[in-house]
Amino acid sequence: MTAYKRKSCQITLNSLFLSLCIGLLTLLPTSNAHSESADELMMLAKAYILAHLDPQLKQPQVSITPLSSAAQKPNCEKPPQITYNTKQRVGNVTLTISCNQPAWRQYVNTKVTGLLPVIVAVQDLSAGQAIDEHQLTVDWRPNAQVTNNHLRDLTSVQHKSVRQFIAKGTPLQQHHLKNTLLIQKNDLVKIVSADPRFHIEMNGMALEAGSMGQAIRVKNLSSGKIVKAYIESADTVSVR
């Protein structure tokens, strides 16, 4: 009889312990829920920005405008969606963090700073002068000093010439340069096919001037026919 009582007591204690464990588990967040406190929302925003920086930005720094404690959101069943509100990736940047279930949305204001490249003249450049990469260098400036008009890649100055005098040390902007005329009116040119499946090569004469990639009228010297052709180099145009 005593053994029976002990066994019954042990079963009762085990059942009580199991009930307590189940009760505690119901108080814990489920594995697929995502807590969204104000601090966690800011951490999500910072992590997203660092993963989607301007690829040319060096030494990035991200500061998040603190959210109030009232910004805490209900747990999201799936990871929240994060999107930029604009195409801008440097400077003052706003993100939207949203959840579908339960539905909510939070805006996060941030500031992204760092160094961006600019193309700088290493010597004085005269108006009309054709640009050579040896006359330029890449310098890194704080992003606040770099605008959308600044040239940030040396490939952007290919086949360009100077529109106005540029002093040594000047960061180049789009309005400083213009397309270089590769072909002048009445230049003799070679007409080829842009389609590699066909081999066409004829002599022609440019009826107008143009720059790289520009379409101009060209006279076929053999047939006298006038065609539209695209400038490929200083002495070659292609028909499409």
C-alpha atoms as a PDB file:
ATOM      1  CA  MET A   1       0.000   0.000   0.000  1.00  0.00           C
ATOM      2  CA  THR A   2       2.807   2.380   0.874  1.00  0.00           C
ATOM      3  CA  ALA A   3       4.541   1.645  -2.446  1.00  0.00           C
ATOM      4  CA  TYR A   4       1.301   2.375  -4.286  1.00  0.00           C
ATOM      5  CA  LYS A   5       0.960   5.764  -2.593  1.00  0.00           C
ATOM      6  CA  ARG A   6       4.549   6.652  -3.441  1.00  0.00           C
ATOM      7  CA  LYS A   7       3.971   5.709  -7.058  1.00  0.00           C
ATOM      8  CA  SER A   8       0.775   7.783  -7.210  1.00  0.00           C
ATOM      9  CA  CYS A   9       2.554  10.783  -5.686  1.00  0.00           C
ATOM     10  CA  GLN A  10       5.398  10.497  -8.220  1.00  0.00           C
ATOM     11  CA  ILE A  11       2.918  10.394 -11.129  1.00  0.00           C
ATOM     12  CA  THR A  12       1.122  13.478  -9.743  1.00  0.00           C
ATOM     13  CA  LEU A  13       4.395  15.435  -9.424  1.00  0.00           C
ATOM     14  CA  ASN A  14       5.481  14.462 -12.950  1.00  0.00           C
ATOM     15  CA  SER A  15       2.130  15.568 -14.368  1.00  0.00           C
ATOM     16  CA  LEU A  16       2.376  18.881 -12.526  1.00  0.00           C
ATOM     17  CA  PHE A  17       5.928  19.454 -13.832  1.00  0.00           C
ATOM     18  CA  LEU A  18       4.808  18.685 -17.396  1.00  0.00           C
ATOM     19  CA  SER A  19       1.883  21.098 -17.089  1.00  0.00           C
ATOM     20  CA  LEU A  20       4.195  23.855 -15.876  1.00  0.00           C
ATOM     21  CA  CYS A  21       6.563  23.285 -18.851  1.00  0.00           C
ATOM     22  CA  ILE A  22       3.711  23.436 -21.326  1.00  0.00           C
ATOM     23  CA  GLY A  23       2.484  26.645 -19.717  1.00  0.00           C
ATOM     24  CA  LEU A  24       5.915  28.256 -19.995  1.00  0.00           C
ATOM     25  CA  LEU A  25       6.235  27.247 -23.656  1.00  0.00           C
ATOM     26  CA  THR A  26       2.968  28.985 -24.480  1.00  0.00           C
ATOM     27  CA  LEU A  27       4.424  32.210 -23.096  1.00  0.00           C
ATOM     28  CA  LEU A  28       7.488  32.077 -25.369  1.00  0.00           C
ATOM     29  CA  PRO A  29       7.370  33.421 -28.955  1.00  0.00           C
ATOM     30  CA  THR A  30       6.983  30.747 -31.621  1.00  0.00           C
ATOM     31  CA  SER A  31       9.990  29.939 -33.789  1.00  0.00           C
ATOM     32  CA  ASN A  32       8.484  31.548 -36.902  1.00  0.00           C
ATOM     33  CA  ALA A  33       7.537  34.816 -35.198  1.00  0.00           C
ATOM     34  CA  HIS A  34       9.795  37.853 -35.359  1.00  0.00           C
ATOM     35  CA  SER A  35       9.957  40.378 -32.525  1.00  0.00           C
ATOM     36  CA  GLU A  36       9.785  43.986 -33.713  1.00  0.00           C
ATOM     37  CA  SER A  37      10.838  46.336 -30.926  1.00  0.00           C
ATOM     38  CA  ALA A  38      12.036  49.843 -31.803  1.00  0.00           C
ATOM     39  CA  ASP A  39      15.674  48.787 -31.359  1.00  0.00           C
ATOM     40  CA  GLU A  40      15.203  45.712 -33.530  1.00  0.00           C
ATOM     41  CA  LEU A  41      13.550  47.764 -36.279  1.00  0.00           C
ATOM     42  CA  MET A  42      16.548  50.096 -36.302  1.00  0.00           C
ATOM     43  CA  MET A  43      18.933  47.134 -36.427  1.00  0.00           C
ATOM     44  CA  LEU A  44      16.998  45.700 -39.375  1.00  0.00           C
ATOM     45  CA  ALA A  45      17.231  49.035 -41.205  1.00  0.00           C
ATOM     46  CA  LYS A  46      20.977  49.366 -40.616  1.00  0.00           C
ATOM     47  CA  ALA A  47      21.682  45.801 -41.719  1.00  0.00           C
ATOM     48  CA  TYR A  48      19.642  46.321 -44.884  1.00  0.00           C
ATOM     49  CA  ILE A  49      21.465  49.545 -45.767  1.00  0.00           C
ATOM     50  CA  LEU A  50      24.895  47.983 -45.228  1.00  0.00           C
ATOM     51  CA  ALA A  51      23.895  45.143 -47.559  1.00  0.00           C
ATOM     52  CA  HIS A  52      22.674  47.545 -50.283  1.00  0.00           C
ATOM     53  CA  LEU A  53      25.257  50.347 -50.259  1.00  0.00           C
ATOM     54  CA  ASP A  54      26.299  52.370 -53.288  1.00  0.00           C
ATOM     55  CA  PRO A  55      29.009  50.062 -54.712  1.00  0.00           C
ATOM     56  CA  GLN A  56      31.387  53.028 -55.057  1.00  0.00           C
ATOM     57  CA  LEU A  57      31.025  54.199 -51.449  1.00  0.00           C
ATOM     58  CA  LYS A  58      34.119  53.797 -49.273  1.00  0.00           C
ATOM     59  CA  GLN A  59      34.308  53.946 -45.471  1.00  0.00           C
ATOM     60  CA  PRO A  60      30.506  53.881 -45.058  1.00  0.00           C
ATOM     61  CA  GLN A  61      28.892  55.145 -41.884  1.00  0.00           C
ATOM     62  CA  VAL A  62      25.198  54.593 -41.150  1.00  0.00           C
ATOM     63  CA  SER A  63      23.305  56.505 -38.473  1.00  0.00           C
ATOM     64  CA  ILE A  64      19.670  55.763 -37.668  1.00  0.00           C
ATOM     65  CA  THR A  65      17.267  58.349 -36.333  1.00  0.00           C
ATOM     66  CA  PRO A  66      16.072  56.788 -33.042  1.00  0.00           C
ATOM     67  CA  LEU A  67      12.532  55.462 -33.011  1.00  0.00           C
ATOM     68  CA  SER A  68      10.272  56.075 -30.031  1.00  0.00           C
ATOM     69  CA  SER A  69       9.228  53.170 -27.867  1.00  0.00           C
ATOM     70  CA  ALA A  70       5.761  53.597 -29.384  1.00  0.00           C
ATOM     71  CA  ALA A  71       7.191  52.337 -32.675  1.00  0.00           C
ATOM     72  CA  GLN A  72       7.203  48.753 -31.360  1.00  0.00           C
ATOM     73  CA  LYS A  73       5.165  46.538 -33.666  1.00  0.00           C
ATOM     74  CA  PRO A  74       3.377  43.204 -33.222  1.00  0.00           C
ATOM     75  CA  ASN A  75       5.399  40.112 -34.037  1.00  0.00           C
ATOM     76  CA  CYS A  76       5.546  39.454 -37.774  1.00  0.00           C
ATOM     77  CA  GLU A  77       4.786  35.892 -38.888  1.00  0.00           C
ATOM     78  CA  LYS A  78       7.448  36.170 -41.600  1.00  0.00           C
ATOM     79  CA  PRO A  79      10.584  38.381 -41.840  1.00  0.00           C
ATOM     80  CA  PRO A  80       9.458  41.984 -42.500  1.00  0.00           C
ATOM     81  CA  GLN A  81       9.906  43.472 -45.962  1.00  0.00           C
ATOM     82  CA  ILE A  82      12.331  46.400 -46.284  1.00  0.00           C
ATOM     83  CA  THR A  83      12.433  48.825 -49.209  1.00  0.00           C
ATOM     84  CA  TYR A  84      14.071  52.150 -50.063  1.00  0.00           C
ATOM     85  CA  ASN A  85      11.637  55.015 -50.562  1.00  0.00           C
ATOM     86  CA  THR A  86      13.873  56.574 -53.253  1.00  0.00           C
ATOM     87  CA  LYS A  87      16.734  55.560 -55.556  1.00  0.00           C
ATOM     88  CA  GLN A  88      19.119  57.514 -53.342  1.00  0.00           C
ATOM     89  CA  ARG A  89      21.601  55.367 -51.439  1.00  0.00           C
ATOM     90  CA  VAL A  90      23.851  58.073 -49.951  1.00  0.00           C
ATOM     91  CA  GLY A  91      22.951  61.011 -47.724  1.00  0.00           C
ATOM     92  CA  ASN A  92      19.529  61.207 -46.106  1.00  0.00           C
ATOM     93  CA  VAL A  93      17.809  57.911 -46.828  1.00  0.00           C
ATOM     94  CA  THR A  94      14.358  56.715 -45.767  1.00  0.00           C
ATOM     95  CA  LEU A  95      13.365  53.061 -45.531  1.00  0.00           C
ATOM     96  CA  THR A  96       9.976  51.424 -45.169  1.00  0.00           C
ATOM     97  CA  ILE A  97       9.730  48.293 -43.020  1.00  0.00           C
ATOM     98  CA  SER A  98       6.434  46.482 -43.441  1.00  0.00           C
ATOM     99  CA  CYS A  99       4.660  43.299 -42.423  1.00  0.00           C
ATOM    100  CA  ASN A 100       1.795  41.518 -44.181  1.00  0.00           C
ATOM    101  CA  GLN A 101       0.532  39.476 -41.241  1.00  0.00           C
ATOM    102  CA  PRO A 102      -0.285  41.252 -39.033  1.00  0.00           C
ATOM    103  CA  ALA A 103      -0.369  44.308 -41.296  1.00  0.00           C
ATOM    104  CA  TRP A 104       1.786  47.237 -40.172  1.00  0.00           C
ATOM    105  CA  ARG A 105       4.314  49.695 -41.590  1.00  0.00           C
ATOM    106  CA  GLN A 106       7.180  51.688 -40.099  1.00  0.00           C
ATOM    107  CA  TYR A 107       9.308  54.434 -41.717  1.00  0.00           C
ATOM    108  CA  VAL A 108      12.938  54.701 -40.640  1.00  0.00           C
ATOM    109  CA  ASN A 109      15.039  57.791 -41.369  1.00  0.00           C
ATOM    110  CA  THR A 110      18.758  57.234 -41.783  1.00  0.00           C
ATOM    111  CA  LYS A 111      21.895  59.064 -42.877  1.00  0.00           C
ATOM    112  CA  VAL A 112      24.543  57.297 -44.935  1.00  0.00           C
ATOM    113  CA  THR A 113      27.959  58.938 -45.298  1.00  0.00           C
ATOM    114  CA  GLY A 114      31.312  57.969 -46.756  1.00  0.00           C
ATOM    115  CA  LEU A 115      33.738  58.709 -49.582  1.00  0.00           C
ATOM    116  CA  LEU A 116      32.797  58.762 -53.264  1.00  0.00           C
ATOM    117  CA  PRO A 117      35.103  58.906 -56.317  1.00  0.00           C
ATOM    118  CA  VAL A 118      35.335  61.974 -58.536  1.00  0.00           C
ATOM    119  CA  ILE A 119      37.347  62.476 -61.719  1.00  0.00           C
ATOM    120  CA  VAL A 120      39.827  65.333 -61.261  1.00  0.00           C
ATOM    121  CA  ALA A 121      41.993  67.117 -63.836  1.00  0.00           C
ATOM    122  CA  VAL A 122      45.718  66.724 -63.080  1.00  0.00           C
ATOM    123  CA  GLN A 123      46.594  69.603 -65.425  1.00  0.00           C
ATOM    124  CA  ASP A 124      44.951  72.635 -67.008  1.00  0.00           C
ATOM    125  CA  LEU A 125      42.649  71.668 -69.880  1.00  0.00           C
ATOM    126  CA  SER A 126      41.866  74.014 -72.773  1.00  0.00           C
ATOM    127  CA  ALA A 127      38.462  74.466 -74.400  1.00  0.00           C
ATOM    128  CA  GLY A 128      38.050  72.058 -77.320  1.00  0.00           C
ATOM    129  CA  GLN A 129      40.855  69.775 -76.131  1.00  0.00           C
ATOM    130  CA  ALA A 130      40.228  66.045 -76.498  1.00  0.00           C
ATOM    131  CA  ILE A 131      40.275  64.217 -73.162  1.00  0.00           C
ATOM    132  CA  ASP A 132      43.011  61.712 -72.434  1.00  0.00           C
ATOM    133  CA  GLU A 133      42.845  59.511 -69.332  1.00  0.00           C
ATOM    134  CA  HIS A 134      46.437  60.484 -68.519  1.00  0.00           C
ATOM    135  CA  GLN A 135      45.180  64.033 -67.894  1.00  0.00           C
ATOM    136  CA  LEU A 136      42.823  62.802 -65.182  1.00  0.00           C
ATOM    137  CA  THR A 137      42.883  60.983 -61.876  1.00  0.00           C
ATOM    138  CA  VAL A 138      40.355  59.531 -59.440  1.00  0.00           C
ATOM    139  CA  ASP A 139      40.067  61.313 -56.094  1.00  0.00           C
ATOM    140  CA  TRP A 140      37.910  60.347 -53.121  1.00  0.00           C
ATOM    141  CA  ARG A 141      35.781  63.066 -51.541  1.00  0.00           C
ATOM    142  CA  PRO A 142      33.161  63.126 -48.746  1.00  0.00           C
ATOM    143  CA  ASN A 143      29.789  62.297 -50.279  1.00  0.00           C
ATOM    144  CA  ALA A 144      28.431  65.732 -49.317  1.00  0.00           C
ATOM    145  CA  GLN A 145      30.878  67.241 -51.840  1.00  0.00           C
ATOM    146  CA  VAL A 146      29.824  64.939 -54.690  1.00  0.00           C
ATOM    147  CA  THR A 147      26.677  65.637 -56.736  1.00  0.00           C
ATOM    148  CA  ASN A 148      24.891  63.617 -59.395  1.00  0.00           C
ATOM    149  CA  ASN A 149      26.568  65.823 -62.017  1.00  0.00           C
ATOM    150  CA  HIS A 150      30.101  64.846 -61.013  1.00  0.00           C
ATOM    151  CA  LEU A 151      31.848  62.262 -63.182  1.00  0.00           C
ATOM    152  CA  ARG A 152      32.827  59.240 -61.079  1.00  0.00           C
ATOM    153  CA  ASP A 153      34.185  56.779 -63.639  1.00  0.00           C
ATOM    154  CA  LEU A 154      37.010  57.204 -66.166  1.00  0.00           C
ATOM    155  CA  THR A 155      34.992  55.324 -68.779  1.00  0.00           C
ATOM    156  CA  SER A 156      32.519  58.229 -68.787  1.00  0.00           C
ATOM    157  CA  VAL A 157      35.116  60.545 -70.396  1.00  0.00           C
ATOM    158  CA  GLN A 158      35.898  58.349 -73.389  1.00  0.00           C
ATOM    159  CA  HIS A 159      35.456  60.123 -76.742  1.00  0.00           C
ATOM    160  CA  LYS A 160      34.868  63.430 -74.930  1.00  0.00           C
ATOM    161  CA  SER A 161      36.436  66.855 -75.335  1.00  0.00           C
ATOM    162  CA  VAL A 162      36.530  69.894 -73.060  1.00  0.00           C
ATOM    163  CA  ARG A 163      33.731  72.404 -73.461  1.00  0.00           C
ATOM    164  CA  GLN A 164      35.473  75.149 -71.494  1.00  0.00           C
ATOM    165  CA  PHE A 165      38.762  75.846 -69.737  1.00  0.00           C
ATOM    166  CA  ILE A 166      39.244  73.587 -66.717  1.00  0.00           C
ATOM    167  CA  ALA A 167      41.877  74.365 -64.110  1.00  0.00           C
ATOM    168  CA  LYS A 168      44.117  71.712 -62.602  1.00  0.00           C
ATOM    169  CA  GLY A 169      42.506  70.063 -59.579  1.00  0.00           C
ATOM    170  CA  THR A 170      38.924  70.702 -60.731  1.00  0.00           C
ATOM    171  CA  PRO A 171      36.476  67.801 -60.247  1.00  0.00           C
ATOM    172  CA  LEU A 172      34.848  67.194 -63.626  1.00  0.00           C
ATOM    173  CA  GLN A 173      31.115  67.547 -64.087  1.00  0.00           C
ATOM    174  CA  GLN A 174      28.938  66.571 -67.035  1.00  0.00           C
ATOM    175  CA  HIS A 175      28.597  70.118 -68.349  1.00  0.00           C
ATOM    176  CA  HIS A 176      32.395  70.466 -68.582  1.00  0.00           C
ATOM    177  CA  LEU A 177      32.592  67.966 -71.453  1.00  0.00           C
ATOM    178  CA  LYS A 178      31.028  67.329 -74.845  1.00  0.00           C
ATOM    179  CA  ASN A 179      31.178  64.508 -77.365  1.00  0.00           C
ATOM    180  CA  THR A 180      34.241  64.568 -79.603  1.00  0.00           C
ATOM    181  CA  LEU A 181      33.508  64.673 -83.318  1.00  0.00           C
ATOM    182  CA  LEU A 182      35.181  61.577 -84.712  1.00  0.00           C
ATOM    183  CA  ILE A 183      34.069  62.159 -88.297  1.00  0.00           C
ATOM    184  CA  GLN A 184      33.828  65.461 -90.121  1.00  0.00           C
ATOM    185  CA  LYS A 185      31.646  66.283 -93.106  1.00  0.00           C
ATOM    186  CA  ASN A 186      33.159  65.030 -96.416  1.00  0.00           C
ATOM    187  CA  ASP A 187      35.504  62.585 -94.620  1.00  0.00           C
ATOM    188  CA  LEU A 188      36.113  59.344 -96.499  1.00  0.00           C
ATOM    189  CA  VAL A 189      34.899  56.394 -94.439  1.00  0.00           C
ATOM    190  CA  LYS A 190      34.520  52.625 -94.617  1.00  0.00           C
ATOM    191  CA  ILE A 191      30.945  51.305 -94.543  1.00  0.00           C
ATOM    192  CA  VAL A 192      30.541  47.907 -92.842  1.00  0.00           C
ATOM    193  CA  SER A 193      27.641  45.770 -91.633  1.00  0.00           C
ATOM    194  CA  ALA A 194      26.691  45.766 -87.965  1.00  0.00           C
ATOM    195  CA  ASP A 195      25.398  42.207 -88.384  1.00  0.00           C
ATOM    196  CA  PRO A 196      28.339  39.771 -88.015  1.00  0.00           C
ATOM    197  CA  ARG A 197      26.521  37.240 -90.248  1.00  0.00           C
ATOM    198  CA  PHE A 198      27.069  39.456 -93.275  1.00  0.00           C
ATOM    199  CA  HIS A 199      30.329  40.841 -94.581  1.00  0.00           C
ATOM    200  CA  ILE A 200      29.864  44.263 -96.126  1.00  0.00           C
ATOM    201  CA  GLU A 201      32.682  46.692 -96.763  1.00  0.00           C
ATOM    202  CA  MET A 202      32.240  49.673 -99.065  1.00  0.00           C
ATOM    203  CA  ASN A 203      33.805  53.089 -99.475  1.00  0.00           C
ATOM    204  CA  GLY A 204      31.711  56.062 -98.544  1.00  0.00           C
ATOM    205  CA  MET A 205      31.718  59.767 -97.807  1.00  0.00           C
ATOM    206  CA  ALA A 206      30.258  61.335 -94.662  1.00  0.00           C
ATOM    207  CA  LEU A 207      27.633  63.942 -95.495  1.00  0.00           C
ATOM    208  CA  GLU A 208      27.667  65.295 -91.929  1.00  0.00           C
ATOM    209  CA  ALA A 209      29.855  65.293 -88.833  1.00  0.00           C
ATOM    210  CA  GLY A 210      29.226  63.082 -85.850  1.00  0.00           C
ATOM    211  CA  SER A 211      30.529  61.513 -82.640  1.00  0.00           C
ATOM    212  CA  MET A 212      30.832  57.921 -81.400  1.00  0.00           C
ATOM    213  CA  GLY A 213      27.611  55.951 -81.838  1.00  0.00           C
ATOM    214  CA  GLN A 214      25.801  58.791 -83.580  1.00  0.00           C
ATOM    215  CA  ALA A 215      23.813  58.138 -86.771  1.00  0.00           C
ATOM    216  CA  ILE A 216      24.867  60.211 -89.786  1.00  0.00           C
ATOM    217  CA  ARG A 217      24.104  60.234 -93.501  1.00  0.00           C
ATOM    218  CA  VAL A 218      26.765  58.569 -95.630  1.00  0.00           C
ATOM    219  CA  LYS A 219      27.007  58.362 -99.419  1.00  0.00           C
ATOM    220  CA  ASN A 220      28.014  55.022-100.943  1.00  0.00           C
ATOM    221  CA  LEU A 221      30.670  56.011-103.476  1.00  0.00           C
ATOM    222  CA  SER A 222      30.011  52.920-105.609  1.00  0.00           C
ATOM    223  CA  SER A 223      26.249  53.201-105.995  1.00  0.00           C
ATOM    224  CA  GLY A 224      25.702  56.827-105.082  1.00  0.00           C
ATOM    225  CA  LYS A 225      23.046  55.707-102.593  1.00  0.00           C
ATOM    226  CA  ILE A 226      22.717  57.654 -99.319  1.00  0.00           C
ATOM    227  CA  VAL A 227      22.361  55.506 -96.193  1.00  0.00           C
ATOM    228  CA  LYS A 228      22.033  56.073 -92.477  1.00  0.00           C
ATOM    229  CA  ALA A 229      25.076  54.700 -90.687  1.00  0.00           C
ATOM    230  CA  TYR A 230      26.369  54.689 -87.112  1.00  0.00           C
ATOM    231  CA  ILE A 231      29.850  55.886 -86.235  1.00  0.00           C
ATOM    232  CA  GLU A 232      32.071  53.084 -84.952  1.00  0.00           C
ATOM    233  CA  SER A 233      35.451  54.851 -85.058  1.00  0.00           C
ATOM    234  CA  ALA A 234      37.224  57.794 -86.710  1.00  0.00           C
ATOM    235  CA  ASP A 235      37.039  56.145 -90.147  1.00  0.00           C
ATOM    236  CA  THR A 236      34.331  53.447 -89.904  1.00  0.00           C
ATOM    237  CA  VAL A 237      30.529  53.502 -89.916  1.00  0.00           C
ATOM    238  CA  SER A 238      28.096  50.599 -89.750  1.00  0.00           C
ATOM    239  CA  VAL A 239      24.672  50.000 -91.288  1.00  0.00           C
ATOM    240  CA  ARG A 240      21.993  48.112 -89.365  1.00  0.00           C
END
